[in-house]
Amino acid sequence: MTETHEHRLKRMKMRAMRRGIKEMDIILERYADDNLAQMDPDRLDLFDALLHENDQDLYQWVTGQVATPDPYGALIADISIAISGAE
């Protein structure tokens, strides 16, 4: 059975807010709330793949401590801009 679009968004939202470290819970939950509904299928696929990455790596990418690997560069830049505007 195929996952419906609505179910996929709910699953990704839950995965975004239940991470391994609290900082990534906050960052990814806010980003998901603000952006998931407007993402096209390719962007959703990329965000879904990002959700499977290690939290320590994600945090370093988002904060600019370590260069972001392909294919996540544009997405991480977008997340970083979104969180810097929230402060």
N, C-alpha and C. Protein backbone atom coordinates (compact mmCIF):
# COMPACT_ATOMS: atom_id res chain seq x y z
N MET A 1 0.84 -1.18 0.00
CA MET A 1 0.00 0.00 0.00
C MET A 1 0.89 1.25 0.00
N THR A 2 0.50 2.20 -0.77
CA THR A 2 1.29 3.44 -0.90
C THR A 2 0.88 4.43 0.18
N GLU A 3 1.84 5.18 0.62
CA GLU A 3 1.61 6.21 1.63
C GLU A 3 0.91 7.41 0.99
N THR A 4 -0.15 7.89 1.61
CA THR A 4 -0.83 9.07 1.10
C THR A 4 0.02 10.31 1.38
N HIS A 5 -0.25 11.36 0.64
CA HIS A 5 0.48 12.62 0.83
C HIS A 5 0.30 13.14 2.25
N GLU A 6 -0.92 13.11 2.75
CA GLU A 6 -1.20 13.60 4.10
C GLU A 6 -0.47 12.78 5.15
N HIS A 7 -0.47 11.46 4.98
CA HIS A 7 0.23 10.59 5.93
C HIS A 7 1.73 10.86 5.88
N ARG A 8 2.25 11.06 4.69
CA ARG A 8 3.68 11.34 4.55
C ARG A 8 4.05 12.63 5.29
N LEU A 9 3.26 13.67 5.13
CA LEU A 9 3.54 14.93 5.81
C LEU A 9 3.48 14.75 7.33
N LYS A 10 2.50 14.01 7.82
CA LYS A 10 2.40 13.76 9.26
C LYS A 10 3.60 12.98 9.77
N ARG A 11 4.00 11.95 9.01
CA ARG A 11 5.16 11.13 9.41
C ARG A 11 6.42 11.98 9.46
N MET A 12 6.61 12.79 8.44
CA MET A 12 7.81 13.63 8.39
C MET A 12 7.79 14.68 9.50
N LYS A 13 6.63 15.24 9.80
CA LYS A 13 6.50 16.21 10.89
C LYS A 13 6.89 15.56 12.22
N MET A 14 6.39 14.35 12.46
CA MET A 14 6.73 13.64 13.70
C MET A 14 8.22 13.34 13.77
N ARG A 15 8.80 12.94 12.66
CA ARG A 15 10.23 12.63 12.63
C ARG A 15 11.06 13.90 12.84
N ALA A 16 10.57 15.02 12.34
CA ALA A 16 11.27 16.29 12.50
C ALA A 16 11.27 16.74 13.96
N MET A 17 10.20 16.45 14.69
CA MET A 17 10.10 16.94 16.06
C MET A 17 10.56 15.94 17.11
N ARG A 18 10.88 14.73 16.70
CA ARG A 18 11.35 13.72 17.65
C ARG A 18 12.71 13.22 17.22
N ARG A 19 13.69 14.06 17.42
CA ARG A 19 15.06 13.78 17.01
C ARG A 19 15.83 13.21 18.20
N GLY A 20 17.13 13.12 18.05
CA GLY A 20 17.98 12.63 19.13
C GLY A 20 18.42 13.73 20.08
N ILE A 21 18.53 14.95 19.56
CA ILE A 21 18.93 16.07 20.42
C ILE A 21 17.89 17.19 20.32
N LYS A 22 17.66 17.84 21.44
CA LYS A 22 16.60 18.84 21.56
C LYS A 22 16.76 19.99 20.56
N GLU A 23 17.98 20.43 20.33
CA GLU A 23 18.21 21.53 19.38
C GLU A 23 17.66 21.20 18.00
N MET A 24 17.88 19.98 17.55
CA MET A 24 17.38 19.59 16.24
C MET A 24 15.87 19.39 16.25
N ASP A 25 15.31 18.98 17.39
CA ASP A 25 13.84 18.94 17.52
C ASP A 25 13.26 20.31 17.22
N ILE A 26 13.81 21.31 17.86
CA ILE A 26 13.30 22.68 17.74
C ILE A 26 13.49 23.21 16.32
N ILE A 27 14.69 23.04 15.79
CA ILE A 27 15.01 23.56 14.46
C ILE A 27 14.16 22.90 13.38
N LEU A 28 14.15 21.58 13.36
CA LEU A 28 13.45 20.88 12.28
C LEU A 28 11.93 20.92 12.43
N GLU A 29 11.44 20.95 13.66
CA GLU A 29 9.99 21.07 13.84
C GLU A 29 9.49 22.41 13.31
N ARG A 30 10.20 23.48 13.64
CA ARG A 30 9.79 24.81 13.15
C ARG A 30 9.86 24.86 11.63
N TYR A 31 10.94 24.34 11.07
CA TYR A 31 11.07 24.34 9.61
C TYR A 31 9.95 23.52 8.97
N ALA A 32 9.67 22.35 9.52
CA ALA A 32 8.61 21.50 8.98
C ALA A 32 7.25 22.20 9.06
N ASP A 33 6.96 22.82 10.19
CA ASP A 33 5.69 23.54 10.35
C ASP A 33 5.53 24.61 9.28
N ASP A 34 6.59 25.32 9.01
CA ASP A 34 6.53 26.46 8.09
C ASP A 34 6.61 26.07 6.61
N ASN A 35 7.15 24.88 6.31
CA ASN A 35 7.48 24.58 4.91
C ASN A 35 6.94 23.29 4.31
N LEU A 36 6.66 22.28 5.10
CA LEU A 36 6.30 20.98 4.53
C LEU A 36 5.13 21.05 3.55
N ALA A 37 4.08 21.75 3.91
CA ALA A 37 2.87 21.78 3.08
C ALA A 37 3.11 22.38 1.70
N GLN A 38 4.12 23.25 1.58
CA GLN A 38 4.38 23.92 0.30
C GLN A 38 5.46 23.22 -0.54
N MET A 39 6.09 22.19 -0.01
CA MET A 39 7.18 21.54 -0.73
C MET A 39 6.67 20.70 -1.89
N ASP A 40 7.42 20.75 -3.00
CA ASP A 40 7.10 19.87 -4.14
C ASP A 40 7.63 18.46 -3.83
N PRO A 41 7.25 17.46 -4.62
CA PRO A 41 7.66 16.08 -4.32
C PRO A 41 9.17 15.87 -4.24
N ASP A 42 9.95 16.53 -5.09
CA ASP A 42 11.41 16.38 -5.03
C ASP A 42 11.98 16.94 -3.73
N ARG A 43 11.47 18.08 -3.32
CA ARG A 43 11.93 18.71 -2.06
C ARG A 43 11.51 17.85 -0.86
N LEU A 44 10.31 17.27 -0.92
CA LEU A 44 9.89 16.36 0.15
C LEU A 44 10.79 15.14 0.22
N ASP A 45 11.17 14.59 -0.92
CA ASP A 45 12.08 13.45 -0.94
C ASP A 45 13.41 13.81 -0.29
N LEU A 46 13.92 15.00 -0.61
CA LEU A 46 15.19 15.45 -0.05
C LEU A 46 15.08 15.66 1.46
N PHE A 47 14.00 16.30 1.91
CA PHE A 47 13.81 16.52 3.34
C PHE A 47 13.64 15.19 4.06
N ASP A 48 12.94 14.25 3.45
CA ASP A 48 12.77 12.92 4.03
C ASP A 48 14.12 12.24 4.19
N ALA A 49 14.97 12.33 3.19
CA ALA A 49 16.31 11.75 3.29
C ALA A 49 17.12 12.44 4.38
N LEU A 50 16.99 13.75 4.48
CA LEU A 50 17.70 14.51 5.51
C LEU A 50 17.31 14.05 6.91
N LEU A 51 16.06 13.68 7.08
CA LEU A 51 15.57 13.24 8.39
C LEU A 51 16.23 11.94 8.85
N HIS A 52 16.88 11.24 7.94
CA HIS A 52 17.57 10.00 8.29
C HIS A 52 19.04 10.23 8.64
N GLU A 53 19.50 11.46 8.54
CA GLU A 53 20.89 11.79 8.86
C GLU A 53 21.07 11.92 10.38
N ASN A 54 22.30 11.78 10.81
CA ASN A 54 22.66 11.86 12.21
C ASN A 54 22.48 13.29 12.74
N ASP A 55 21.88 13.43 13.92
CA ASP A 55 21.62 14.75 14.50
C ASP A 55 22.88 15.59 14.72
N GLN A 56 23.94 14.96 15.17
CA GLN A 56 25.17 15.73 15.39
C GLN A 56 25.69 16.31 14.08
N ASP A 57 25.60 15.54 13.02
CA ASP A 57 26.00 16.05 11.70
C ASP A 57 25.08 17.17 11.26
N LEU A 58 23.76 16.95 11.38
CA LEU A 58 22.79 17.97 10.99
C LEU A 58 23.03 19.28 11.73
N TYR A 59 23.25 19.20 13.02
CA TYR A 59 23.46 20.42 13.81
C TYR A 59 24.70 21.17 13.33
N GLN A 60 25.77 20.44 13.05
CA GLN A 60 26.99 21.09 12.55
C GLN A 60 26.78 21.71 11.18
N TRP A 61 25.99 21.08 10.33
CA TRP A 61 25.69 21.64 9.00
C TRP A 61 24.86 22.91 9.14
N VAL A 62 23.80 22.84 9.95
CA VAL A 62 22.88 23.96 10.11
C VAL A 62 23.58 25.17 10.72
N THR A 63 24.47 24.93 11.65
CA THR A 63 25.17 26.03 12.32
C THR A 63 26.42 26.47 11.58
N GLY A 64 26.76 25.81 10.48
CA GLY A 64 27.91 26.21 9.68
C GLY A 64 29.25 25.77 10.24
N GLN A 65 29.24 24.89 11.21
CA GLN A 65 30.50 24.39 11.79
C GLN A 65 31.24 23.47 10.84
N VAL A 66 30.48 22.80 9.98
CA VAL A 66 31.04 21.85 9.01
C VAL A 66 30.31 22.08 7.69
N ALA A 67 31.04 21.95 6.60
CA ALA A 67 30.43 22.11 5.27
C ALA A 67 29.37 21.04 5.04
N THR A 68 28.27 21.45 4.46
CA THR A 68 27.16 20.54 4.17
C THR A 68 27.46 19.73 2.92
N PRO A 69 27.30 18.41 3.00
CA PRO A 69 27.54 17.58 1.81
C PRO A 69 26.39 17.68 0.81
N ASP A 70 26.70 17.36 -0.45
CA ASP A 70 25.65 17.23 -1.45
C ASP A 70 24.82 16.01 -1.09
N PRO A 71 23.57 16.02 -1.33
CA PRO A 71 22.75 16.97 -2.06
C PRO A 71 22.02 17.97 -1.15
N TYR A 72 22.46 18.09 0.09
CA TYR A 72 21.70 18.86 1.09
C TYR A 72 22.03 20.34 1.17
N GLY A 73 22.97 20.83 0.42
CA GLY A 73 23.44 22.21 0.56
C GLY A 73 22.35 23.27 0.54
N ALA A 74 21.50 23.26 -0.47
CA ALA A 74 20.46 24.28 -0.59
C ALA A 74 19.41 24.14 0.52
N LEU A 75 19.07 22.90 0.86
CA LEU A 75 18.08 22.67 1.90
C LEU A 75 18.60 23.13 3.26
N ILE A 76 19.83 22.80 3.59
CA ILE A 76 20.42 23.23 4.86
C ILE A 76 20.53 24.75 4.89
N ALA A 77 20.90 25.36 3.78
CA ALA A 77 20.96 26.83 3.72
C ALA A 77 19.59 27.43 4.01
N ASP A 78 18.55 26.84 3.45
CA ASP A 78 17.18 27.31 3.67
C ASP A 78 16.80 27.14 5.15
N ILE A 79 17.14 26.03 5.74
CA ILE A 79 16.85 25.79 7.16
C ILE A 79 17.61 26.80 8.03
N SER A 80 18.87 27.02 7.70
CA SER A 80 19.68 27.98 8.47
C SER A 80 19.11 29.39 8.40
N ILE A 81 18.65 29.79 7.23
CA ILE A 81 18.04 31.12 7.07
C ILE A 81 16.75 31.19 7.89
N ALA A 82 15.97 30.12 7.84
CA ALA A 82 14.70 30.10 8.58
C ALA A 82 14.92 30.22 10.08
N ILE A 83 15.94 29.54 10.61
CA ILE A 83 16.15 29.63 12.06
C ILE A 83 16.81 30.94 12.47
N SER A 84 17.60 31.53 11.58
CA SER A 84 18.21 32.81 11.93
C SER A 84 17.17 33.92 11.95
N GLY A 85 16.13 33.78 11.14
CA GLY A 85 15.04 34.75 11.15
C GLY A 85 14.12 34.59 12.34
N ALA A 86 14.17 33.42 12.99
CA ALA A 86 13.30 33.16 14.13
C ALA A 86 13.87 33.69 15.43
N GLU A 87 15.12 34.02 15.43
CA GLU A 87 15.76 34.47 16.68
C GLU A 87 15.42 35.88 17.04
